[in-house]
C-alpha atoms as a PDB file:
ATOM      1  CA  MET A   1      -1.875   4.075 -18.791  1.00  0.00           C
ATOM      2  CA  ALA A   2       1.074   2.765 -16.784  1.00  0.00           C
ATOM      3  CA  THR A   3      -0.420  -0.725 -16.688  1.00  0.00           C
ATOM      4  CA  ALA A   4      -0.902  -0.725 -20.449  1.00  0.00           C
ATOM      5  CA  LEU A   5       2.705   0.359 -20.961  1.00  0.00           C
ATOM      6  CA  ILE A   6       4.086  -2.280 -18.603  1.00  0.00           C
ATOM      7  CA  ILE A   7       2.049  -5.021 -20.288  1.00  0.00           C
ATOM      8  CA  THR A   8       3.283  -3.818 -23.676  1.00  0.00           C
ATOM      9  CA  VAL A   9       6.907  -3.868 -22.501  1.00  0.00           C
ATOM     10  CA  PHE A  10       6.506  -7.428 -21.223  1.00  0.00           C
ATOM     11  CA  PHE A  11       4.699  -8.589 -24.374  1.00  0.00           C
ATOM     12  CA  LEU A  12       7.003  -6.984 -26.941  1.00  0.00           C
ATOM     13  CA  GLY A  13      10.084  -7.512 -24.796  1.00  0.00           C
ATOM     14  CA  THR A  14       9.384 -11.231 -24.724  1.00  0.00           C
ATOM     15  CA  PHE A  15       9.336 -11.364 -28.514  1.00  0.00           C
ATOM     16  CA  TYR A  16      12.492  -9.284 -28.700  1.00  0.00           C
ATOM     17  CA  PHE A  17      14.499 -11.310 -26.204  1.00  0.00           C
ATOM     18  CA  GLN A  18      13.397 -14.678 -27.593  1.00  0.00           C
ATOM     19  CA  HIS A  19      13.479 -13.976 -31.327  1.00  0.00           C
ATOM     20  CA  ALA A  20      15.955 -11.138 -31.912  1.00  0.00           C
ATOM     21  CA  VAL A  21      18.431 -11.882 -29.134  1.00  0.00           C
ATOM     22  CA  GLY A  22      17.879 -15.653 -29.032  1.00  0.00           C
ATOM     23  CA  TYR A  23      17.257 -16.073 -25.297  1.00  0.00           C
ATOM     24  CA  GLY A  24      15.175 -18.999 -24.101  1.00  0.00           C
ATOM     25  CA  ALA A  25      11.869 -18.693 -22.302  1.00  0.00           C
ATOM     26  CA  LEU A  26      13.380 -19.201 -18.846  1.00  0.00           C
ATOM     27  CA  ARG A  27      16.109 -16.587 -19.323  1.00  0.00           C
ATOM     28  CA  THR A  28      13.575 -14.118 -20.724  1.00  0.00           C
ATOM     29  CA  GLY A  29      11.283 -14.675 -17.752  1.00  0.00           C
ATOM     30  CA  LEU A  30      14.140 -14.203 -15.317  1.00  0.00           C
ATOM     31  CA  LEU A  31      15.044 -10.901 -16.989  1.00  0.00           C
ATOM     32  CA  PHE A  32      11.548  -9.608 -16.264  1.00  0.00           C
ATOM     33  CA  LEU A  33      11.463 -10.912 -12.690  1.00  0.00           C
ATOM     34  CA  PRO A  34      13.122  -7.832 -11.090  1.00  0.00           C
ATOM     35  CA  VAL A  35      10.626  -5.563 -12.857  1.00  0.00           C
ATOM     36  CA  ALA A  36       7.678  -7.620 -11.610  1.00  0.00           C
ATOM     37  CA  ALA A  37       9.049  -7.765  -8.054  1.00  0.00           C
ATOM     38  CA  ALA A  38       9.775  -4.021  -7.994  1.00  0.00           C
ATOM     39  CA  THR A  39       6.275  -3.303  -9.299  1.00  0.00           C
ATOM     40  CA  MET A  40       4.664  -5.366  -6.524  1.00  0.00           C
ATOM     41  CA  PHE A  41       6.913  -3.838  -3.864  1.00  0.00           C
ATOM     42  CA  GLY A  42       6.298  -0.308  -5.148  1.00  0.00           C
ATOM     43  CA  ALA A  43       2.541  -0.783  -5.357  1.00  0.00           C
ATOM     44  CA  ASN A  44       2.511  -1.861  -1.734  1.00  0.00           C
ATOM     45  CA  LEU A  45       4.257   1.329  -0.618  1.00  0.00           C
ATOM     46  CA  THR A  46       2.454   3.774  -2.879  1.00  0.00           C
ATOM     47  CA  GLY A  47      -0.540   4.549  -0.685  1.00  0.00           C
ATOM     48  CA  ARG A  48       1.519   5.628   2.294  1.00  0.00           C
ATOM     49  CA  ALA A  49       4.015   7.526   0.146  1.00  0.00           C
ATOM     50  CA  ILE A  50       1.296   9.532  -1.638  1.00  0.00           C
ATOM     51  CA  ALA A  51      -0.152  10.529   1.720  1.00  0.00           C
ATOM     52  CA  LYS A  52       3.242  11.832   2.860  1.00  0.00           C
ATOM     53  CA  ALA A  53       4.799  13.315  -0.286  1.00  0.00           C
ATOM     54  CA  GLY A  54       1.930  13.895  -2.712  1.00  0.00           C
ATOM     55  CA  ALA A  55       1.305  12.362  -6.118  1.00  0.00           C
ATOM     56  CA  ARG A  56       3.403  14.644  -8.344  1.00  0.00           C
ATOM     57  CA  PRO A  57       6.840  14.051  -6.758  1.00  0.00           C
ATOM     58  CA  LEU A  58       6.204  10.318  -6.741  1.00  0.00           C
ATOM     59  CA  ALA A  59       5.140  10.315 -10.391  1.00  0.00           C
ATOM     60  CA  VAL A  60       8.280  12.191 -11.425  1.00  0.00           C
ATOM     61  CA  THR A  61      10.467   9.865  -9.354  1.00  0.00           C
ATOM     62  CA  GLY A  62       8.785   6.805 -10.811  1.00  0.00           C
ATOM     63  CA  LEU A  63       9.256   8.009 -14.366  1.00  0.00           C
ATOM     64  CA  LEU A  64      12.927   8.778 -13.717  1.00  0.00           C
ATOM     65  CA  ILE A  65      13.507   5.333 -12.232  1.00  0.00           C
ATOM     66  CA  THR A  66      11.754   3.762 -15.214  1.00  0.00           C
ATOM     67  CA  ALA A  67      13.899   5.740 -17.663  1.00  0.00           C
ATOM     68  CA  ILE A  68      17.082   4.690 -15.859  1.00  0.00           C
ATOM     69  CA  GLY A  69      15.981   1.053 -15.878  1.00  0.00           C
ATOM     70  CA  MET A  70      15.200   1.129 -19.583  1.00  0.00           C
ATOM     71  CA  ALA A  71      18.542   2.814 -20.314  1.00  0.00           C
ATOM     72  CA  LEU A  72      20.389   0.125 -18.343  1.00  0.00           C
ATOM     73  CA  THR A  73      18.520  -2.603 -20.196  1.00  0.00           C
ATOM     74  CA  ARG A  74      19.344  -1.004 -23.524  1.00  0.00           C
ATOM     75  CA  SER A  75      23.029  -0.597 -22.677  1.00  0.00           C
ATOM     76  CA  HIS A  76      23.139  -4.251 -21.542  1.00  0.00           C
ATOM     77  CA  LEU A  77      21.770  -5.402 -24.885  1.00  0.00           C
ATOM     78  CA  ARG A  78      24.470  -3.561 -26.829  1.00  0.00           C
ATOM     79  CA  HIS A  79      27.261  -5.584 -25.199  1.00  0.00           C
END
């Protein structure tokens, strides 16, 4: 489910940034770079973190971080 949502955000976000906001392909790609890097970094740490903390606290933390990131992106687009 998370993978499908991330792919959807990248796909629809690309259309939004390029067509509605008017950003070029390079700028749009660079906007998504921190998300891609954080996803790779987080995936690398997940196995060890689940063993220590359990799945539920990590899922809640991940969803909160995602919500904060989306809120920051949205507030950036308003200005």
